[in-house]
């Protein structure tokens, strides 16, 4: 269980660097790094990356939404058949979570492959 927390904490904390102007896809790179370093199973890699990136993207989306008084999320929701603001924010978090989960699982599987190759 400890490693699960390390995976999502690493994904989340390194993802905070996104605020420094790094591109959105770096979430997968940070997830891969966390999965390589900390994950002990496929599940830990996937769910650790998912939780860390979901929290990261959801917090960023809510902060940006509050900053612009919900204008963007309301307009985006209107484009998607009247989806409410919270729905747009939730989908944003979900997509970020999937990106982080894919990265962390890839990092874990790459480490397993590398260790098998070295043996």
N, C-alpha and C. Protein backbone atom coordinates (compact mmCIF):
# COMPACT_ATOMS: atom_id res chain seq x y z
N UNK A 1 0.83 -1.20 0.00
CA UNK A 1 0.00 0.00 0.00
C UNK A 1 0.87 1.25 0.00
N UNK A 2 2.01 1.17 0.67
CA UNK A 2 2.91 2.31 0.75
C UNK A 2 3.37 2.75 -0.64
N UNK A 3 3.68 1.76 -1.50
CA UNK A 3 4.15 2.09 -2.84
C UNK A 3 3.07 2.74 -3.68
N UNK A 4 1.81 2.35 -3.47
CA UNK A 4 0.71 3.00 -4.17
C UNK A 4 0.71 4.49 -3.86
N UNK A 5 0.89 4.82 -2.58
CA UNK A 5 0.92 6.23 -2.18
C UNK A 5 2.13 6.94 -2.77
N UNK A 6 3.24 6.25 -2.86
CA UNK A 6 4.43 6.87 -3.46
C UNK A 6 4.22 7.15 -4.94
N UNK A 7 3.54 6.24 -5.64
CA UNK A 7 3.30 6.45 -7.07
C UNK A 7 2.42 7.67 -7.28
N UNK A 8 1.28 7.75 -6.58
CA UNK A 8 0.41 8.89 -6.85
C UNK A 8 0.98 10.17 -6.26
N UNK A 9 1.72 10.11 -5.18
CA UNK A 9 2.35 11.33 -4.65
C UNK A 9 3.42 11.84 -5.59
N UNK A 10 4.20 10.93 -6.17
CA UNK A 10 5.24 11.34 -7.13
C UNK A 10 4.61 11.91 -8.39
N UNK A 11 3.57 11.25 -8.90
CA UNK A 11 2.89 11.75 -10.09
C UNK A 11 2.31 13.13 -9.84
N UNK A 12 1.68 13.30 -8.69
CA UNK A 12 1.07 14.58 -8.36
C UNK A 12 2.12 15.67 -8.16
N UNK A 13 3.12 15.40 -7.34
CA UNK A 13 4.08 16.46 -7.00
C UNK A 13 4.96 16.84 -8.18
N UNK A 14 5.39 15.88 -8.98
CA UNK A 14 6.17 16.26 -10.16
C UNK A 14 5.28 16.93 -11.20
N UNK A 15 4.01 16.56 -11.21
CA UNK A 15 3.07 17.21 -12.12
C UNK A 15 2.85 18.68 -11.80
N UNK A 16 3.12 19.06 -10.58
CA UNK A 16 2.99 20.47 -10.23
C UNK A 16 3.93 21.33 -11.07
N UNK A 17 4.95 20.70 -11.63
CA UNK A 17 5.86 21.43 -12.52
C UNK A 17 5.15 21.89 -13.79
N UNK A 18 3.99 21.30 -14.08
CA UNK A 18 3.21 21.74 -15.23
C UNK A 18 2.85 23.22 -15.12
N UNK A 19 2.73 23.68 -13.88
CA UNK A 19 2.43 25.09 -13.67
C UNK A 19 3.56 25.98 -14.14
N UNK A 20 4.74 25.40 -14.30
CA UNK A 20 5.90 26.17 -14.76
C UNK A 20 5.91 26.29 -16.28
N UNK A 21 4.89 25.82 -16.95
CA UNK A 21 4.78 25.99 -18.39
C UNK A 21 5.13 24.76 -19.20
N UNK A 22 5.24 23.60 -18.58
CA UNK A 22 5.51 22.39 -19.34
C UNK A 22 4.23 21.94 -20.05
N UNK A 23 4.35 21.19 -21.14
CA UNK A 23 3.15 20.76 -21.89
C UNK A 23 2.33 19.73 -21.10
N UNK A 24 1.08 19.60 -21.50
CA UNK A 24 0.13 18.74 -20.81
C UNK A 24 0.56 17.28 -20.79
N UNK A 25 1.21 16.81 -21.84
CA UNK A 25 1.56 15.40 -21.95
C UNK A 25 2.70 15.00 -21.01
N UNK A 26 3.32 15.96 -20.33
CA UNK A 26 4.35 15.62 -19.37
C UNK A 26 3.77 14.85 -18.18
N UNK A 27 2.46 14.90 -18.00
CA UNK A 27 1.82 14.09 -16.96
C UNK A 27 2.14 12.61 -17.18
N UNK A 28 2.12 12.16 -18.42
CA UNK A 28 2.44 10.76 -18.72
C UNK A 28 3.91 10.47 -18.43
N UNK A 29 4.78 11.40 -18.72
CA UNK A 29 6.21 11.22 -18.46
C UNK A 29 6.46 11.12 -16.95
N UNK A 30 5.84 12.02 -16.19
CA UNK A 30 6.00 11.98 -14.73
C UNK A 30 5.38 10.70 -14.15
N UNK A 31 4.26 10.27 -14.71
CA UNK A 31 3.66 9.01 -14.28
C UNK A 31 4.57 7.82 -14.58
N UNK A 32 5.21 7.85 -15.75
CA UNK A 32 6.14 6.77 -16.10
C UNK A 32 7.32 6.74 -15.14
N UNK A 33 7.81 7.89 -14.79
CA UNK A 33 8.90 7.96 -13.81
C UNK A 33 8.46 7.38 -12.47
N UNK A 34 7.29 7.75 -12.02
CA UNK A 34 6.77 7.23 -10.75
C UNK A 34 6.55 5.73 -10.82
N UNK A 35 6.00 5.24 -11.92
CA UNK A 35 5.78 3.81 -12.07
C UNK A 35 7.09 3.04 -12.10
N UNK A 36 8.09 3.57 -12.76
CA UNK A 36 9.41 2.92 -12.83
C UNK A 36 10.02 2.83 -11.44
N UNK A 37 9.92 3.91 -10.67
CA UNK A 37 10.58 3.97 -9.37
C UNK A 37 9.84 3.23 -8.26
N UNK A 38 8.52 3.32 -8.21
CA UNK A 38 7.80 2.90 -7.01
C UNK A 38 6.83 1.75 -7.18
N UNK A 39 6.24 1.56 -8.33
CA UNK A 39 5.18 0.55 -8.46
C UNK A 39 5.72 -0.86 -8.28
N UNK A 40 4.94 -1.70 -7.61
CA UNK A 40 5.31 -3.09 -7.38
C UNK A 40 4.38 -4.07 -8.12
N UNK A 41 3.36 -3.54 -8.79
CA UNK A 41 2.46 -4.39 -9.56
C UNK A 41 1.78 -3.53 -10.62
N UNK A 42 1.10 -4.22 -11.54
CA UNK A 42 0.35 -3.49 -12.57
C UNK A 42 -0.71 -2.59 -11.94
N UNK A 43 -1.40 -3.13 -10.94
CA UNK A 43 -2.46 -2.36 -10.28
C UNK A 43 -1.92 -1.13 -9.57
N UNK A 44 -0.81 -1.28 -8.86
CA UNK A 44 -0.22 -0.13 -8.18
C UNK A 44 0.21 0.93 -9.19
N UNK A 45 0.78 0.48 -10.30
CA UNK A 45 1.19 1.43 -11.32
C UNK A 45 0.01 2.18 -11.90
N UNK A 46 -1.01 1.43 -12.31
CA UNK A 46 -2.16 2.06 -12.94
C UNK A 46 -2.90 2.97 -11.98
N UNK A 47 -3.31 2.43 -10.83
CA UNK A 47 -4.15 3.21 -9.92
C UNK A 47 -3.38 4.33 -9.24
N UNK A 48 -2.10 4.12 -8.96
CA UNK A 48 -1.30 5.19 -8.37
C UNK A 48 -1.17 6.36 -9.32
N UNK A 49 -0.88 6.07 -10.60
CA UNK A 49 -0.80 7.12 -11.60
C UNK A 49 -2.14 7.79 -11.84
N UNK A 50 -3.21 6.99 -11.82
CA UNK A 50 -4.54 7.52 -12.04
C UNK A 50 -4.94 8.52 -10.95
N UNK A 51 -4.77 8.12 -9.70
CA UNK A 51 -5.17 8.98 -8.59
C UNK A 51 -4.34 10.27 -8.56
N UNK A 52 -3.02 10.13 -8.73
CA UNK A 52 -2.16 11.31 -8.70
C UNK A 52 -2.48 12.30 -9.81
N UNK A 53 -2.64 11.80 -11.03
CA UNK A 53 -2.92 12.69 -12.16
C UNK A 53 -4.35 13.23 -12.11
N UNK A 54 -5.31 12.41 -11.65
CA UNK A 54 -6.68 12.89 -11.53
C UNK A 54 -6.73 14.07 -10.57
N UNK A 55 -6.11 13.93 -9.41
CA UNK A 55 -6.09 15.03 -8.44
C UNK A 55 -5.41 16.26 -9.02
N UNK A 56 -4.29 16.04 -9.68
CA UNK A 56 -3.54 17.16 -10.27
C UNK A 56 -4.39 17.92 -11.29
N UNK A 57 -4.96 17.21 -12.26
CA UNK A 57 -5.73 17.87 -13.31
C UNK A 57 -7.02 18.46 -12.76
N UNK A 58 -7.65 17.78 -11.82
CA UNK A 58 -8.89 18.31 -11.25
C UNK A 58 -8.63 19.59 -10.47
N UNK A 59 -7.56 19.62 -9.68
CA UNK A 59 -7.23 20.83 -8.93
C UNK A 59 -6.89 21.97 -9.89
N UNK A 60 -6.08 21.69 -10.91
CA UNK A 60 -5.76 22.73 -11.88
C UNK A 60 -7.01 23.24 -12.58
N UNK A 61 -7.91 22.33 -12.96
CA UNK A 61 -9.14 22.74 -13.66
C UNK A 61 -10.02 23.60 -12.76
N UNK A 62 -10.15 23.21 -11.50
CA UNK A 62 -10.99 23.99 -10.58
C UNK A 62 -10.38 25.37 -10.34
N UNK A 63 -9.07 25.43 -10.16
CA UNK A 63 -8.41 26.73 -9.94
C UNK A 63 -8.60 27.63 -11.15
N UNK A 64 -8.40 27.09 -12.35
CA UNK A 64 -8.59 27.89 -13.56
C UNK A 64 -10.04 28.30 -13.73
N UNK A 65 -10.95 27.39 -13.38
CA UNK A 65 -12.38 27.68 -13.49
C UNK A 65 -12.78 28.81 -12.55
N UNK A 66 -12.26 28.79 -11.36
CA UNK A 66 -12.56 29.86 -10.39
C UNK A 66 -11.95 31.17 -10.87
N UNK A 67 -10.74 31.11 -11.42
CA UNK A 67 -10.07 32.32 -11.91
C UNK A 67 -10.88 33.03 -13.00
N UNK A 68 -11.48 32.25 -13.91
CA UNK A 68 -12.23 32.90 -15.00
C UNK A 68 -13.74 32.87 -14.76
N UNK A 69 -14.13 32.65 -13.51
CA UNK A 69 -15.53 32.68 -13.08
C UNK A 69 -16.42 31.70 -13.84
N UNK A 70 -15.84 30.59 -14.25
CA UNK A 70 -16.61 29.53 -14.89
C UNK A 70 -17.01 29.78 -16.33
N UNK A 71 -16.46 30.81 -16.94
CA UNK A 71 -16.87 31.13 -18.31
C UNK A 71 -16.49 30.01 -19.28
N UNK A 72 -15.24 29.55 -19.22
CA UNK A 72 -14.78 28.54 -20.16
C UNK A 72 -15.51 27.21 -19.96
N UNK A 73 -15.64 26.76 -18.72
CA UNK A 73 -16.29 25.47 -18.50
C UNK A 73 -17.77 25.52 -18.88
N UNK A 74 -18.42 26.64 -18.68
CA UNK A 74 -19.82 26.78 -19.07
C UNK A 74 -19.95 26.72 -20.59
N UNK A 75 -19.07 27.40 -21.29
CA UNK A 75 -19.12 27.39 -22.77
C UNK A 75 -18.76 26.01 -23.32
N UNK A 76 -17.76 25.35 -22.72
CA UNK A 76 -17.40 24.00 -23.17
C UNK A 76 -18.55 23.04 -22.91
N UNK A 77 -19.21 23.18 -21.78
CA UNK A 77 -20.37 22.34 -21.47
C UNK A 77 -21.49 22.53 -22.47
N UNK A 78 -21.68 23.76 -22.91
CA UNK A 78 -22.72 24.04 -23.91
C UNK A 78 -22.40 23.34 -25.23
N UNK A 79 -21.12 23.23 -25.57
CA UNK A 79 -20.73 22.54 -26.80
C UNK A 79 -21.02 21.04 -26.72
N UNK A 80 -20.98 20.49 -25.53
CA UNK A 80 -21.21 19.06 -25.33
C UNK A 80 -22.60 18.80 -24.76
N UNK A 81 -23.60 19.22 -25.48
CA UNK A 81 -25.01 18.95 -25.18
C UNK A 81 -25.43 19.43 -23.79
N UNK A 82 -24.97 20.59 -23.39
CA UNK A 82 -25.42 21.18 -22.14
C UNK A 82 -24.83 20.56 -20.89
N UNK A 83 -23.64 20.01 -20.99
CA UNK A 83 -22.96 19.42 -19.84
C UNK A 83 -22.73 20.50 -18.78
N UNK A 84 -23.04 20.24 -17.52
CA UNK A 84 -22.83 21.27 -16.47
C UNK A 84 -21.34 21.50 -16.21
N UNK A 85 -21.05 22.60 -15.53
CA UNK A 85 -19.65 22.96 -15.21
C UNK A 85 -18.93 21.82 -14.51
N UNK A 86 -19.55 21.24 -13.50
CA UNK A 86 -18.90 20.18 -12.74
C UNK A 86 -18.63 18.96 -13.62
N UNK A 87 -19.46 18.74 -14.63
CA UNK A 87 -19.23 17.64 -15.57
C UNK A 87 -17.99 17.85 -16.41
N UNK A 88 -17.81 19.09 -16.88
CA UNK A 88 -16.62 19.42 -17.66
C UNK A 88 -15.37 19.26 -16.80
N UNK A 89 -15.44 19.73 -15.56
CA UNK A 89 -14.30 19.60 -14.65
C UNK A 89 -14.03 18.13 -14.33
N UNK A 90 -15.06 17.34 -14.15
CA UNK A 90 -14.89 15.92 -13.88
C UNK A 90 -14.27 15.17 -15.04
N UNK A 91 -14.71 15.49 -16.25
CA UNK A 91 -14.14 14.85 -17.44
C UNK A 91 -12.67 15.25 -17.60
N UNK A 92 -12.36 16.50 -17.30
CA UNK A 92 -10.97 16.94 -17.35
C UNK A 92 -10.11 16.12 -16.38
N UNK A 93 -10.59 15.95 -15.16
CA UNK A 93 -9.87 15.14 -14.18
C UNK A 93 -9.73 13.69 -14.62
N UNK A 94 -10.80 13.14 -15.19
CA UNK A 94 -10.78 11.76 -15.66
C UNK A 94 -9.75 11.57 -16.78
N UNK A 95 -9.72 12.49 -17.73
CA UNK A 95 -8.75 12.39 -18.82
C UNK A 95 -7.31 12.50 -18.30
N UNK A 96 -7.09 13.41 -17.36
CA UNK A 96 -5.78 13.51 -16.75
C UNK A 96 -5.40 12.25 -16.01
N UNK A 97 -6.37 11.67 -15.29
CA UNK A 97 -6.12 10.43 -14.57
C UNK A 97 -5.75 9.29 -15.50
N UNK A 98 -6.44 9.19 -16.63
CA UNK A 98 -6.11 8.14 -17.60
C UNK A 98 -4.72 8.35 -18.20
N UNK A 99 -4.36 9.60 -18.42
CA UNK A 99 -3.03 9.91 -18.95
C UNK A 99 -1.95 9.50 -17.94
N UNK A 100 -2.14 9.86 -16.69
CA UNK A 100 -1.17 9.49 -15.66
C UNK A 100 -1.11 7.99 -15.43
N UNK A 101 -2.28 7.32 -15.47
CA UNK A 101 -2.33 5.87 -15.28
C UNK A 101 -1.60 5.15 -16.40
N UNK A 102 -1.81 5.60 -17.62
CA UNK A 102 -1.12 4.99 -18.75
C UNK A 102 0.39 5.17 -18.63
N UNK A 103 0.80 6.36 -18.24
CA UNK A 103 2.22 6.61 -18.06
C UNK A 103 2.83 5.77 -16.96
N UNK A 104 2.17 5.70 -15.80
CA UNK A 104 2.70 4.94 -14.67
C UNK A 104 2.74 3.45 -14.97
N UNK A 105 1.70 2.94 -15.61
CA UNK A 105 1.70 1.53 -15.98
C UNK A 105 2.81 1.23 -16.99
N UNK A 106 3.00 2.12 -17.93
CA UNK A 106 4.08 1.96 -18.90
C UNK A 106 5.45 1.96 -18.22
N UNK A 107 5.63 2.87 -17.27
CA UNK A 107 6.89 2.92 -16.53
C UNK A 107 7.15 1.64 -15.76
N UNK A 108 6.12 1.12 -15.09
CA UNK A 108 6.28 -0.13 -14.35
C UNK A 108 6.60 -1.28 -15.29
N UNK A 109 5.84 -1.40 -16.37
CA UNK A 109 6.07 -2.50 -17.32
C UNK A 109 7.44 -2.39 -17.98
N UNK A 110 7.90 -1.16 -18.23
CA UNK A 110 9.24 -0.98 -18.81
C UNK A 110 10.31 -1.45 -17.83
N UNK A 111 10.12 -1.17 -16.53
CA UNK A 111 11.08 -1.64 -15.54
C UNK A 111 11.08 -3.16 -15.46
N UNK A 112 9.91 -3.79 -15.49
CA UNK A 112 9.82 -5.25 -15.46
C UNK A 112 10.53 -5.83 -16.68
N UNK A 113 10.29 -5.26 -17.84
CA UNK A 113 10.95 -5.73 -19.07
C UNK A 113 12.45 -5.55 -18.96
N UNK A 114 12.90 -4.41 -18.46
CA UNK A 114 14.33 -4.13 -18.34
C UNK A 114 15.00 -5.11 -17.37
N UNK A 115 14.36 -5.37 -16.26
CA UNK A 115 14.93 -6.31 -15.28
C UNK A 115 14.98 -7.73 -15.84
N UNK A 116 13.96 -8.13 -16.61
CA UNK A 116 13.97 -9.45 -17.22
C UNK A 116 15.06 -9.55 -18.28
N UNK A 117 15.27 -8.47 -18.98
CA UNK A 117 16.32 -8.45 -20.01
C UNK A 117 17.71 -8.54 -19.39
N UNK A 118 17.87 -7.94 -18.23
CA UNK A 118 19.16 -7.94 -17.55
C UNK A 118 19.47 -9.30 -16.91
N UNK A 119 18.43 -10.07 -16.60
CA UNK A 119 18.63 -11.37 -15.92
C UNK A 119 19.10 -12.46 -16.85
